[in-house]
PDB file of N, CA and C in Angstrom:
ATOM      1  N   MET A   1      17.456  27.894  17.044  1.00  0.00           N
ATOM      2  CA  MET A   1      17.776  28.061  15.634  1.00  0.00           C
ATOM      3  C   MET A   1      18.377  26.790  15.039  1.00  0.00           C
ATOM      4  N   VAL A   2      19.156  26.085  15.836  1.00  0.00           N
ATOM      5  CA  VAL A   2      19.800  24.872  15.341  1.00  0.00           C
ATOM      6  C   VAL A   2      18.767  23.785  15.063  1.00  0.00           C
ATOM      7  N   LYS A   3      17.753  23.634  15.936  1.00  0.00           N
ATOM      8  CA  LYS A   3      16.720  22.617  15.729  1.00  0.00           C
ATOM      9  C   LYS A   3      15.929  22.881  14.460  1.00  0.00           C
ATOM     10  N   LEU A   4      15.601  24.128  14.212  1.00  0.00           N
ATOM     11  CA  LEU A   4      14.870  24.485  13.009  1.00  0.00           C
ATOM     12  C   LEU A   4      15.680  24.154  11.768  1.00  0.00           C
ATOM     13  N   ASN A   5      16.955  24.443  11.803  1.00  0.00           N
ATOM     14  CA  ASN A   5      17.836  24.148  10.680  1.00  0.00           C
ATOM     15  C   ASN A   5      17.919  22.645  10.436  1.00  0.00           C
ATOM     16  N   ASN A   6      18.030  21.847  11.502  1.00  0.00           N
ATOM     17  CA  ASN A   6      18.079  20.396  11.360  1.00  0.00           C
ATOM     18  C   ASN A   6      16.775  19.858  10.798  1.00  0.00           C
ATOM     19  N   GLN A   7      15.651  20.401  11.259  1.00  0.00           N
ATOM     20  CA  GLN A   7      14.355  19.946  10.771  1.00  0.00           C
ATOM     21  C   GLN A   7      14.178  20.264   9.286  1.00  0.00           C
ATOM     22  N   GLN A   8      14.656  21.436   8.868  1.00  0.00           N
ATOM     23  CA  GLN A   8      14.580  21.788   7.450  1.00  0.00           C
ATOM     24  C   GLN A   8      15.425  20.834   6.614  1.00  0.00           C
ATOM     25  N   THR A   9      16.587  20.462   7.121  1.00  0.00           N
ATOM     26  CA  THR A   9      17.460  19.528   6.417  1.00  0.00           C
ATOM     27  C   THR A   9      16.788  18.164   6.285  1.00  0.00           C
ATOM     28  N   ILE A  10      16.146  17.709   7.359  1.00  0.00           N
ATOM     29  CA  ILE A  10      15.445  16.417   7.323  1.00  0.00           C
ATOM     30  C   ILE A  10      14.279  16.470   6.346  1.00  0.00           C
ATOM     31  N   ASP A  11      13.514  17.559   6.362  1.00  0.00           N
ATOM     32  CA  ASP A  11      12.384  17.704   5.437  1.00  0.00           C
ATOM     33  C   ASP A  11      12.843  17.715   3.989  1.00  0.00           C
ATOM     34  N   ASN A  12      13.929  18.414   3.701  1.00  0.00           N
ATOM     35  CA  ASN A  12      14.463  18.454   2.339  1.00  0.00           C
ATOM     36  C   ASN A  12      14.907  17.066   1.889  1.00  0.00           C
ATOM     37  N   LEU A  13      15.534  16.328   2.788  1.00  0.00           N
ATOM     38  CA  LEU A  13      15.985  14.980   2.465  1.00  0.00           C
ATOM     39  C   LEU A  13      14.799  14.066   2.195  1.00  0.00           C
ATOM     40  N   ASN A  14      13.752  14.166   3.028  1.00  0.00           N
ATOM     41  CA  ASN A  14      12.551  13.344   2.830  1.00  0.00           C
ATOM     42  C   ASN A  14      11.850  13.672   1.522  1.00  0.00           C
ATOM     43  N   ASN A  15      11.803  14.938   1.150  1.00  0.00           N
ATOM     44  CA  ASN A  15      11.137  15.349  -0.086  1.00  0.00           C
ATOM     45  C   ASN A  15      11.827  14.781  -1.317  1.00  0.00           C
ATOM     46  N   ASN A  16      13.120  14.509  -1.234  1.00  0.00           N
ATOM     47  CA  ASN A  16      13.830  13.910  -2.359  1.00  0.00           C
ATOM     48  C   ASN A  16      13.359  12.491  -2.646  1.00  0.00           C
ATOM     49  N   PHE A  17      12.857  11.794  -1.622  1.00  0.00           N
ATOM     50  CA  PHE A  17      12.458  10.397  -1.778  1.00  0.00           C
ATOM     51  C   PHE A  17      10.975  10.214  -2.036  1.00  0.00           C
ATOM     52  N   LEU A  18      10.187  11.271  -1.966  1.00  0.00           N
ATOM     53  CA  LEU A  18       8.748  11.148  -2.209  1.00  0.00           C
ATOM     54  C   LEU A  18       8.488  10.867  -3.686  1.00  0.00           C
ATOM     55  N   LYS A  19       7.617   9.893  -3.962  1.00  0.00           N
ATOM     56  CA  LYS A  19       7.225   9.604  -5.340  1.00  0.00           C
ATOM     57  C   LYS A  19       6.064  10.511  -5.716  1.00  0.00           C
ATOM     58  N   THR A  20       6.080  11.003  -6.938  1.00  0.00           N
ATOM     59  CA  THR A  20       5.030  11.922  -7.382  1.00  0.00           C
ATOM     60  C   THR A  20       4.034  11.255  -8.326  1.00  0.00           C
ATOM     61  N   ASN A  21       4.359  10.074  -8.823  1.00  0.00           N
ATOM     62  CA  ASN A  21       3.505   9.412  -9.821  1.00  0.00           C
ATOM     63  C   ASN A  21       2.573   8.364  -9.221  1.00  0.00           C
ATOM     64  N   LEU A  22       2.259   8.483  -7.921  1.00  0.00           N
ATOM     65  CA  LEU A  22       1.393   7.500  -7.269  1.00  0.00           C
ATOM     66  C   LEU A  22      -0.077   7.824  -7.509  1.00  0.00           C
ATOM     67  N   PRO A  23      -0.913   6.798  -7.689  1.00  0.00           N
ATOM     68  CA  PRO A  23      -2.353   7.051  -7.808  1.00  0.00           C
ATOM     69  C   PRO A  23      -2.947   7.381  -6.443  1.00  0.00           C
ATOM     70  N   ASP A  24      -4.172   7.866  -6.433  1.00  0.00           N
ATOM     71  CA  ASP A  24      -4.876   8.166  -5.193  1.00  0.00           C
ATOM     72  C   ASP A  24      -5.359   6.840  -4.594  1.00  0.00           C
ATOM     73  N   ILE A  25      -4.759   6.423  -3.502  1.00  0.00           N
ATOM     74  CA  ILE A  25      -5.061   5.137  -2.883  1.00  0.00           C
ATOM     75  C   ILE A  25      -6.001   5.359  -1.712  1.00  0.00           C
ATOM     76  N   GLN A  26      -7.136   4.652  -1.735  1.00  0.00           N
ATOM     77  CA  GLN A  26      -8.131   4.748  -0.668  1.00  0.00           C
ATOM     78  C   GLN A  26      -8.332   3.374  -0.035  1.00  0.00           C
ATOM     79  N   ILE A  27      -8.929   3.355   1.145  1.00  0.00           N
ATOM     80  CA  ILE A  27      -9.256   2.105   1.811  1.00  0.00           C
ATOM     81  C   ILE A  27     -10.335   1.393   0.981  1.00  0.00           C
ATOM     82  N   GLY A  28     -10.175   0.094   0.774  1.00  0.00           N
ATOM     83  CA  GLY A  28     -11.137  -0.687   0.003  1.00  0.00           C
ATOM     84  C   GLY A  28     -10.766  -0.836  -1.465  1.00  0.00           C
ATOM     85  N   ASP A  29      -9.711  -0.179  -1.908  1.00  0.00           N
ATOM     86  CA  ASP A  29      -9.275  -0.309  -3.297  1.00  0.00           C
ATOM     87  C   ASP A  29      -8.626  -1.673  -3.528  1.00  0.00           C
ATOM     88  N   ASN A  30      -8.843  -2.232  -4.711  1.00  0.00           N
ATOM     89  CA  ASN A  30      -8.092  -3.408  -5.142  1.00  0.00           C
ATOM     90  C   ASN A  30      -6.882  -2.896  -5.904  1.00  0.00           C
ATOM     91  N   LEU A  31      -5.697  -3.291  -5.464  1.00  0.00           N
ATOM     92  CA  LEU A  31      -4.460  -2.804  -6.059  1.00  0.00           C
ATOM     93  C   LEU A  31      -3.677  -3.944  -6.681  1.00  0.00           C
ATOM     94  N   LYS A  32      -2.871  -3.587  -7.671  1.00  0.00           N
ATOM     95  CA  LYS A  32      -1.874  -4.488  -8.234  1.00  0.00           C
ATOM     96  C   LYS A  32      -0.535  -3.776  -8.047  1.00  0.00           C
ATOM     97  N   ILE A  33       0.284  -4.314  -7.160  1.00  0.00           N
ATOM     98  CA  ILE A  33       1.543  -3.674  -6.787  1.00  0.00           C
ATOM     99  C   ILE A  33       2.700  -4.479  -7.352  1.00  0.00           C
ATOM    100  N   GLY A  34       3.570  -3.822  -8.096  1.00  0.00           N
ATOM    101  CA  GLY A  34       4.772  -4.457  -8.622  1.00  0.00           C
ATOM    102  C   GLY A  34       5.923  -4.228  -7.662  1.00  0.00           C
ATOM    103  N   VAL A  35       6.487  -5.322  -7.136  1.00  0.00           N
ATOM    104  CA  VAL A  35       7.566  -5.251  -6.151  1.00  0.00           C
ATOM    105  C   VAL A  35       8.838  -5.830  -6.770  1.00  0.00           C
ATOM    106  N   LYS A  36       9.947  -5.110  -6.627  1.00  0.00           N
ATOM    107  CA  LYS A  36      11.224  -5.600  -7.141  1.00  0.00           C
ATOM    108  C   LYS A  36      11.769  -6.672  -6.208  1.00  0.00           C
ATOM    109  N   ILE A  37      12.100  -7.832  -6.778  1.00  0.00           N
ATOM    110  CA  ILE A  37      12.643  -8.959  -6.041  1.00  0.00           C
ATOM    111  C   ILE A  37      14.045  -9.234  -6.570  1.00  0.00           C
ATOM    112  N   VAL A  38      15.021  -9.362  -5.669  1.00  0.00           N
ATOM    113  CA  VAL A  38      16.393  -9.652  -6.068  1.00  0.00           C
ATOM    114  C   VAL A  38      16.679 -11.112  -5.750  1.00  0.00           C
ATOM    115  N   GLU A  39      17.064 -11.860  -6.775  1.00  0.00           N
ATOM    116  CA  GLU A  39      17.425 -13.272  -6.619  1.00  0.00           C
ATOM    117  C   GLU A  39      18.833 -13.451  -7.161  1.00  0.00           C
ATOM    118  N   GLY A  40      19.784 -13.581  -6.264  1.00  0.00           N
ATOM    119  CA  GLY A  40      21.183 -13.680  -6.690  1.00  0.00           C
ATOM    120  C   GLY A  40      21.621 -12.350  -7.295  1.00  0.00           C
ATOM    121  N   ASN A  41      22.022 -12.395  -8.563  1.00  0.00           N
ATOM    122  CA  ASN A  41      22.401 -11.154  -9.244  1.00  0.00           C
ATOM    123  C   ASN A  41      21.338 -10.700 -10.239  1.00  0.00           C
ATOM    124  N   LYS A  42      20.172 -11.365 -10.227  1.00  0.00           N
ATOM    125  CA  LYS A  42      19.072 -10.986 -11.110  1.00  0.00           C
ATOM    126  C   LYS A  42      18.021 -10.211 -10.335  1.00  0.00           C
ATOM    127  N   GLU A  43      17.337  -9.327 -11.031  1.00  0.00           N
ATOM    128  CA  GLU A  43      16.247  -8.571 -10.427  1.00  0.00           C
ATOM    129  C   GLU A  43      15.012  -8.725 -11.305  1.00  0.00           C
ATOM    130  N   ARG A  44      13.876  -8.993 -10.658  1.00  0.00           N
ATOM    131  CA  ARG A  44      12.625  -9.133 -11.408  1.00  0.00           C
ATOM    132  C   ARG A  44      11.513  -8.426 -10.642  1.00  0.00           C
ATOM    133  N   ILE A  45      10.372  -8.279 -11.295  1.00  0.00           N
ATOM    134  CA  ILE A  45       9.223  -7.632 -10.671  1.00  0.00           C
ATOM    135  C   ILE A  45       8.143  -8.682 -10.426  1.00  0.00           C
ATOM    136  N   GLN A  46       7.707  -8.778  -9.171  1.00  0.00           N
ATOM    137  CA  GLN A  46       6.642  -9.702  -8.795  1.00  0.00           C
ATOM    138  C   GLN A  46       5.420  -8.877  -8.415  1.00  0.00           C
ATOM    139  N   PHE A  47       4.258  -9.261  -8.935  1.00  0.00           N
ATOM    140  CA  PHE A  47       3.038  -8.512  -8.679  1.00  0.00           C
ATOM    141  C   PHE A  47       2.286  -9.109  -7.499  1.00  0.00           C
ATOM    142  N   TYR A  48       1.738  -8.232  -6.684  1.00  0.00           N
ATOM    143  CA  TYR A  48       0.945  -8.607  -5.512  1.00  0.00           C
ATOM    144  C   TYR A  48      -0.390  -7.900  -5.656  1.00  0.00           C
ATOM    145  N   GLU A  49      -1.475  -8.673  -5.658  1.00  0.00           N
ATOM    146  CA  GLU A  49      -2.799  -8.113  -5.891  1.00  0.00           C
ATOM    147  C   GLU A  49      -3.686  -8.377  -4.691  1.00  0.00           C
ATOM    148  N   GLY A  50      -4.316  -7.313  -4.168  1.00  0.00           N
ATOM    149  CA  GLY A  50      -5.176  -7.488  -3.018  1.00  0.00           C
ATOM    150  C   GLY A  50      -5.927  -6.216  -2.671  1.00  0.00           C
ATOM    151  N   THR A  51      -6.638  -6.252  -1.546  1.00  0.00           N
ATOM    152  CA  THR A  51      -7.475  -5.145  -1.087  1.00  0.00           C
ATOM    153  C   THR A  51      -6.769  -4.375   0.011  1.00  0.00           C
ATOM    154  N   VAL A  52      -6.826  -3.043  -0.074  1.00  0.00           N
ATOM    155  CA  VAL A  52      -6.235  -2.192   0.956  1.00  0.00           C
ATOM    156  C   VAL A  52      -7.161  -2.206   2.169  1.00  0.00           C
ATOM    157  N   ILE A  53      -6.640  -2.686   3.312  1.00  0.00           N
ATOM    158  CA  ILE A  53      -7.462  -2.717   4.528  1.00  0.00           C
ATOM    159  C   ILE A  53      -7.027  -1.665   5.542  1.00  0.00           C
ATOM    160  N   ALA A  54      -5.841  -1.069   5.358  1.00  0.00           N
ATOM    161  CA  ALA A  54      -5.386  -0.029   6.280  1.00  0.00           C
ATOM    162  C   ALA A  54      -4.390   0.868   5.563  1.00  0.00           C
ATOM    163  N   LYS A  55      -4.342   2.120   5.999  1.00  0.00           N
ATOM    164  CA  LYS A  55      -3.408   3.088   5.437  1.00  0.00           C
ATOM    165  C   LYS A  55      -2.913   3.979   6.566  1.00  0.00           C
ATOM    166  N   LYS A  56      -1.617   4.227   6.576  1.00  0.00           N
ATOM    167  CA  LYS A  56      -1.020   5.109   7.577  1.00  0.00           C
ATOM    168  C   LYS A  56      -0.271   6.201   6.834  1.00  0.00           C
ATOM    169  N   ASN A  57      -0.707   7.445   6.976  1.00  0.00           N
ATOM    170  CA  ASN A  57      -0.090   8.562   6.276  1.00  0.00           C
ATOM    171  C   ASN A  57       0.955   9.218   7.160  1.00  0.00           C
ATOM    172  N   SER A  58       2.170   9.288   6.662  1.00  0.00           N
ATOM    173  CA  SER A  58       3.238   9.955   7.392  1.00  0.00           C
ATOM    174  C   SER A  58       4.328  10.354   6.407  1.00  0.00           C
ATOM    175  N   SER A  59       3.995  11.192   5.453  1.00  0.00           N
ATOM    176  CA  SER A  59       4.872  11.692   4.381  1.00  0.00           C
ATOM    177  C   SER A  59       5.664  10.557   3.735  1.00  0.00           C
ATOM    178  N   VAL A  60       6.963  10.513   3.937  1.00  0.00           N
ATOM    179  CA  VAL A  60       7.782   9.517   3.259  1.00  0.00           C
ATOM    180  C   VAL A  60       7.586   8.120   3.856  1.00  0.00           C
ATOM    181  N   ASN A  61       7.047   8.025   5.067  1.00  0.00           N
ATOM    182  CA  ASN A  61       6.826   6.739   5.725  1.00  0.00           C
ATOM    183  C   ASN A  61       5.397   6.227   5.556  1.00  0.00           C
ATOM    184  N   THR A  62       4.692   6.653   4.527  1.00  0.00           N
ATOM    185  CA  THR A  62       3.318   6.208   4.293  1.00  0.00           C
ATOM    186  C   THR A  62       3.292   4.716   3.969  1.00  0.00           C
ATOM    187  N   THR A  63       2.445   3.985   4.704  1.00  0.00           N
ATOM    188  CA  THR A  63       2.332   2.550   4.477  1.00  0.00           C
ATOM    189  C   THR A  63       0.887   2.171   4.199  1.00  0.00           C
ATOM    190  N   ILE A  64       0.723   1.073   3.454  1.00  0.00           N
ATOM    191  CA  ILE A  64      -0.592   0.500   3.227  1.00  0.00           C
ATOM    192  C   ILE A  64      -0.512  -0.985   3.554  1.00  0.00           C
ATOM    193  N   THR A  65      -1.589  -1.510   4.113  1.00  0.00           N
ATOM    194  CA  THR A  65      -1.688  -2.942   4.387  1.00  0.00           C
ATOM    195  C   THR A  65      -2.627  -3.538   3.349  1.00  0.00           C
ATOM    196  N   VAL A  66      -2.131  -4.510   2.605  1.00  0.00           N
ATOM    197  CA  VAL A  66      -2.889  -5.129   1.517  1.00  0.00           C
ATOM    198  C   VAL A  66      -3.152  -6.582   1.885  1.00  0.00           C
ATOM    199  N   ARG A  67      -4.410  -6.990   1.729  1.00  0.00           N
ATOM    200  CA  ARG A  67      -4.823  -8.351   2.085  1.00  0.00           C
ATOM    201  C   ARG A  67      -5.339  -9.083   0.855  1.00  0.00           C
ATOM    202  N   LYS A  68      -4.945 -10.345   0.738  1.00  0.00           N
ATOM    203  CA  LYS A  68      -5.500 -11.213  -0.292  1.00  0.00           C
ATOM    204  C   LYS A  68      -5.684 -12.590   0.305  1.00  0.00           C
ATOM    205  N   VAL A  69      -6.550 -13.390  -0.309  1.00  0.00           N
ATOM    206  CA  VAL A  69      -6.780 -14.755   0.138  1.00  0.00           C
ATOM    207  C   VAL A  69      -6.127 -15.671  -0.884  1.00  0.00           C
ATOM    208  N   LEU A  70      -5.210 -16.494  -0.412  1.00  0.00           N
ATOM    209  CA  LEU A  70      -4.447 -17.378  -1.283  1.00  0.00           C
ATOM    210  C   LEU A  70      -4.648 -18.815  -0.814  1.00  0.00           C
ATOM    211  N   GLN A  71      -5.332 -19.629  -1.615  1.00  0.00           N
ATOM    212  CA  GLN A  71      -5.625 -21.029  -1.313  1.00  0.00           C
ATOM    213  C   GLN A  71      -6.339 -21.173   0.033  1.00  0.00           C
ATOM    214  N   GLY A  72      -7.285 -20.269   0.273  1.00  0.00           N
ATOM    215  CA  GLY A  72      -8.089 -20.342   1.487  1.00  0.00           C
ATOM    216  C   GLY A  72      -7.439 -19.740   2.720  1.00  0.00           C
ATOM    217  N   ILE A  73      -6.244 -19.189   2.587  1.00  0.00           N
ATOM    218  CA  ILE A  73      -5.531 -18.591   3.720  1.00  0.00           C
ATOM    219  C   ILE A  73      -5.356 -17.116   3.445  1.00  0.00           C
ATOM    220  N   GLY A  74      -5.710 -16.267   4.415  1.00  0.00           N
ATOM    221  CA  GLY A  74      -5.545 -14.826   4.274  1.00  0.00           C
ATOM    222  C   GLY A  74      -4.093 -14.428   4.447  1.00  0.00           C
ATOM    223  N   VAL A  75      -3.599 -13.615   3.512  1.00  0.00           N
ATOM    224  CA  VAL A  75      -2.220 -13.142   3.552  1.00  0.00           C
ATOM    225  C   VAL A  75      -2.249 -11.618   3.534  1.00  0.00           C
ATOM    226  N   GLU A  76      -1.591 -11.009   4.511  1.00  0.00           N
ATOM    227  CA  GLU A  76      -1.499  -9.555   4.563  1.00  0.00           C
ATOM    228  C   GLU A  76      -0.047  -9.135   4.430  1.00  0.00           C
ATOM    229  N   ARG A  77       0.156  -8.032   3.740  1.00  0.00           N
ATOM    230  CA  ARG A  77       1.502  -7.522   3.561  1.00  0.00           C
ATOM    231  C   ARG A  77       1.464  -6.011   3.687  1.00  0.00           C
ATOM    232  N   ILE A  78       2.454  -5.451   4.349  1.00  0.00           N
ATOM    233  CA  ILE A  78       2.549  -4.007   4.537  1.00  0.00           C
ATOM    234  C   ILE A  78       3.590  -3.471   3.557  1.00  0.00           C
ATOM    235  N   PHE A  79       3.187  -2.454   2.784  1.00  0.00           N
ATOM    236  CA  PHE A  79       4.077  -1.852   1.794  1.00  0.00           C
ATOM    237  C   PHE A  79       4.393  -0.419   2.177  1.00  0.00           C
ATOM    238  N   LEU A  80       5.648  -0.057   2.109  1.00  0.00           N
ATOM    239  CA  LEU A  80       6.091   1.321   2.236  1.00  0.00           C
ATOM    240  C   LEU A  80       6.031   1.895   0.820  1.00  0.00           C
ATOM    241  N   ILE A  81       5.020   2.726   0.527  1.00  0.00           N
ATOM    242  CA  ILE A  81       4.737   3.050  -0.872  1.00  0.00           C
ATOM    243  C   ILE A  81       5.785   3.947  -1.523  1.00  0.00           C
ATOM    244  N   HIS A  82       6.581   4.654  -0.740  1.00  0.00           N
ATOM    245  CA  HIS A  82       7.635   5.494  -1.318  1.00  0.00           C
ATOM    246  C   HIS A  82       8.971   4.764  -1.407  1.00  0.00           C
ATOM    247  N   SER A  83       8.971   3.459  -1.109  1.00  0.00           N
ATOM    248  CA  SER A  83      10.190   2.660  -1.143  1.00  0.00           C
ATOM    249  C   SER A  83      10.658   2.447  -2.586  1.00  0.00           C
ATOM    250  N   PRO A  84      11.958   2.381  -2.801  1.00  0.00           N
ATOM    251  CA  PRO A  84      12.448   2.074  -4.153  1.00  0.00           C
ATOM    252  C   PRO A  84      12.124   0.646  -4.588  1.00  0.00           C
ATOM    253  N   ARG A  85      11.798  -0.238  -3.655  1.00  0.00           N
ATOM    254  CA  ARG A  85      11.424  -1.616  -3.995  1.00  0.00           C
ATOM    255  C   ARG A  85      10.034  -1.698  -4.622  1.00  0.00           C
ATOM    256  N   VAL A  86       9.174  -0.728  -4.347  1.00  0.00           N
ATOM    257  CA  VAL A  86       7.836  -0.705  -4.954  1.00  0.00           C
ATOM    258  C   VAL A  86       7.972  -0.046  -6.317  1.00  0.00           C
ATOM    259  N   ASP A  87       7.774  -0.852  -7.361  1.00  0.00           N
ATOM    260  CA  ASP A  87       7.994  -0.371  -8.721  1.00  0.00           C
ATOM    261  C   ASP A  87       6.766   0.336  -9.278  1.00  0.00           C
ATOM    262  N   SER A  88       5.596  -0.269  -9.107  1.00  0.00           N
ATOM    263  CA  SER A  88       4.382   0.320  -9.674  1.00  0.00           C
ATOM    264  C   SER A  88       3.190  -0.013  -8.792  1.00  0.00           C
ATOM    265  N   ILE A  89       2.209   0.882  -8.801  1.00  0.00           N
ATOM    266  CA  ILE A  89       0.953   0.657  -8.099  1.00  0.00           C
ATOM    267  C   ILE A  89      -0.172   1.009  -9.065  1.00  0.00           C
ATOM    268  N   LYS A  90      -1.085   0.062  -9.264  1.00  0.00           N
ATOM    269  CA  LYS A  90      -2.207   0.294 -10.158  1.00  0.00           C
ATOM    270  C   LYS A  90      -3.501  -0.008  -9.416  1.00  0.00           C
ATOM    271  N   VAL A  91      -4.449   0.924  -9.452  1.00  0.00           N
ATOM    272  CA  VAL A  91      -5.749   0.723  -8.821  1.00  0.00           C
ATOM    273  C   VAL A  91      -6.648   0.001  -9.811  1.00  0.00           C
ATOM    274  N   LEU A  92      -7.088  -1.219  -9.461  1.00  0.00           N
ATOM    275  CA  LEU A  92      -7.933  -2.010 -10.349  1.00  0.00           C
ATOM    276  C   LEU A  92      -9.395  -1.593 -10.223  1.00  0.00           C
ATOM    277  N   ASN A  93      -9.913  -1.529  -8.990  1.00  0.00           N
ATOM    278  CA  ASN A  93     -11.260  -1.013  -8.759  1.00  0.00           C
ATOM    279  C   ASN A  93     -11.377  -0.557  -7.313  1.00  0.00           C
ATOM    280  N   SER A  94     -12.434   0.176  -7.036  1.00  0.00           N
ATOM    281  CA  SER A  94     -12.638   0.748  -5.710  1.00  0.00           C
ATOM    282  C   SER A  94     -13.928   0.218  -5.112  1.00  0.00           C
ATOM    283  N   ALA A  95     -13.980   0.210  -3.784  1.00  0.00           N
ATOM    284  CA  ALA A  95     -15.171  -0.240  -3.078  1.00  0.00           C
ATOM    285  C   ALA A  95     -15.697   0.885  -2.202  1.00  0.00           C
ATOM    286  N   LYS A  96     -16.997   0.840  -1.957  1.00  0.00           N
ATOM    287  CA  LYS A  96     -17.635   1.816  -1.077  1.00  0.00           C
ATOM    288  C   LYS A  96     -17.512   1.294   0.349  1.00  0.00           C
ATOM    289  N   VAL A  97     -16.747   1.982   1.184  1.00  0.00           N
ATOM    290  CA  VAL A  97     -16.552   1.556   2.570  1.00  0.00           C
ATOM    291  C   VAL A  97     -16.875   2.715   3.502  1.00  0.00           C
ATOM    292  N   ARG A  98     -17.208   2.365   4.760  1.00  0.00           N
ATOM    293  CA  ARG A  98     -17.562   3.378   5.736  1.00  0.00           C
ATOM    294  C   ARG A  98     -16.643   3.345   6.946  1.00  0.00           C
ATOM    295  N   ARG A  99     -15.517   2.688   6.806  1.00  0.00           N
ATOM    296  CA  ARG A  99     -14.551   2.583   7.891  1.00  0.00           C
ATOM    297  C   ARG A  99     -13.169   2.961   7.378  1.00  0.00           C
ATOM    298  N   SER A 100     -12.302   3.360   8.306  1.00  0.00           N
ATOM    299  CA  SER A 100     -10.939   3.703   7.905  1.00  0.00           C
ATOM    300  C   SER A 100     -10.011   2.501   7.996  1.00  0.00           C
ATOM    301  N   LYS A 101     -10.392   1.485   8.739  1.00  0.00           N
ATOM    302  CA  LYS A 101      -9.623   0.242   8.823  1.00  0.00           C
ATOM    303  C   LYS A 101     -10.592  -0.919   8.618  1.00  0.00           C
ATOM    304  N   LEU A 102     -10.249  -1.829   7.740  1.00  0.00           N
ATOM    305  CA  LEU A 102     -11.139  -2.947   7.408  1.00  0.00           C
ATOM    306  C   LEU A 102     -10.658  -4.251   8.025  1.00  0.00           C
ATOM    307  N   TYR A 103     -10.260  -4.191   9.289  1.00  0.00           N
ATOM    308  CA  TYR A 103      -9.747  -5.387   9.953  1.00  0.00           C
ATOM    309  C   TYR A 103     -10.810  -6.466  10.127  1.00  0.00           C
ATOM    310  N   TYR A 104     -12.082  -6.095  10.063  1.00  0.00           N
ATOM    311  CA  TYR A 104     -13.149  -7.085  10.211  1.00  0.00           C
ATOM    312  C   TYR A 104     -13.143  -8.102   9.073  1.00  0.00           C
ATOM    313  N   LEU A 105     -12.493  -7.794   7.948  1.00  0.00           N
ATOM    314  CA  LEU A 105     -12.423  -8.741   6.829  1.00  0.00           C
ATOM    315  C   LEU A 105     -11.627  -9.993   7.189  1.00  0.00           C
ATOM    316  N   ARG A 106     -10.799  -9.900   8.226  1.00  0.00           N
ATOM    317  CA  ARG A 106     -10.006 -11.058   8.645  1.00  0.00           C
ATOM    318  C   ARG A 106     -10.889 -12.197   9.131  1.00  0.00           C
ATOM    319  N   ASN A 107     -12.067 -11.877   9.665  1.00  0.00           N
ATOM    320  CA  ASN A 107     -12.948 -12.898  10.228  1.00  0.00           C
ATOM    321  C   ASN A 107     -13.972 -13.418   9.224  1.00  0.00           C
ATOM    322  N   LEU A 108     -14.029 -12.843   8.023  1.00  0.00           N
ATOM    323  CA  LEU A 108     -15.033 -13.235   7.043  1.00  0.00           C
ATOM    324  C   LEU A 108     -14.425 -14.151   5.988  1.00  0.00           C
ATOM    325  N   LYS A 109     -15.268 -15.047   5.441  1.00  0.00           N
ATOM    326  CA  LYS A 109     -14.806 -15.985   4.424  1.00  0.00           C
ATOM    327  C   LYS A 109     -15.748 -15.963   3.232  1.00  0.00           C
ATOM    328  N   GLY A 110     -15.224 -16.278   2.082  1.00  0.00           N
ATOM    329  CA  GLY A 110     -16.033 -16.448   0.883  1.00  0.00           C
ATOM    330  C   GLY A 110     -16.754 -15.193   0.439  1.00  0.00           C
ATOM    331  N   LYS A 111     -18.033 -15.368   0.091  1.00  0.00           N
ATOM    332  CA  LYS A 111     -18.813 -14.245  -0.428  1.00  0.00           C
ATOM    333  C   LYS A 111     -19.020 -13.152   0.614  1.00  0.00           C
ATOM    334  N   ALA A 112     -18.985 -13.501   1.883  1.00  0.00           N
ATOM    335  CA  ALA A 112     -19.205 -12.519   2.949  1.00  0.00           C
ATOM    336  C   ALA A 112     -18.096 -11.468   2.980  1.00  0.00           C
ATOM    337  N   SER A 113     -16.932 -11.803   2.461  1.00  0.00           N
ATOM    338  CA  SER A 113     -15.807 -10.868   2.512  1.00  0.00           C
ATOM    339  C   SER A 113     -15.767  -9.919   1.316  1.00  0.00           C
ATOM    340  N   ARG A 114     -16.768 -10.005   0.445  1.00  0.00           N
ATOM    341  CA  ARG A 114     -16.802  -9.084  -0.702  1.00  0.00           C
ATOM    342  C   ARG A 114     -17.223  -7.705  -0.254  1.00  0.00           C
ATOM    343  N   LEU A 115     -16.710  -6.680  -0.931  1.00  0.00           N
ATOM    344  CA  LEU A 115     -17.072  -5.295  -0.662  1.00  0.00           C
ATOM    345  C   LEU A 115     -17.912  -4.775  -1.811  1.00  0.00           C
ATOM    346  N   LYS A 116     -18.835  -3.878  -1.495  1.00  0.00           N
ATOM    347  CA  LYS A 116     -19.701  -3.281  -2.510  1.00  0.00           C
ATOM    348  C   LYS A 116     -18.881  -2.321  -3.373  1.00  0.00           C
ATOM    349  N   GLN A 117     -18.966  -2.473  -4.681  1.00  0.00           N
ATOM    350  CA  GLN A 117     -18.179  -1.663  -5.607  1.00  0.00           C
ATOM    351  C   GLN A 117     -18.706  -0.243  -5.682  1.00  0.00           C
ATOM    352  N   ALA A 118     -17.783   0.720  -5.756  1.00  0.00           N
ATOM    353  CA  ALA A 118     -18.136   2.136  -5.903  1.00  0.00           C
ATOM    354  C   ALA A 118     -18.135   2.470  -7.386  1.00  0.00           C
ATOM    355  N   PHE A 119     -19.066   3.302  -7.792  1.00  0.00           N
ATOM    356  CA  PHE A 119     -19.143   3.687  -9.203  1.00  0.00           C
ATOM    357  C   PHE A 119     -18.923   5.151  -9.388  1.00  0.00           C
TER     358      PHE A 119
END
């Protein structure tokens, strides 16, 4: 009985932190994510734009891996989407993909790394 009570308490606590205004994020989507950055005593929002190559669903611990190419170098960043640091998520466009993880994009360059757009 005690374990069940503790689990209910943990679930209730996690539900308080879940965001309800998130868009439906799929693998292959191009996202624009606004991240809160603290510099000294100032806070600003920095946007990160890239393609979702991986997603891990685990209620409040849901993460997405976003990849972009910056000056010829691939940059990947993992976002905890229910984090208070993530201010906004906007889906720019979606791609038609047949895999759940797009790690193969790491080895492709230029036009070869483009994904077919979904309509």
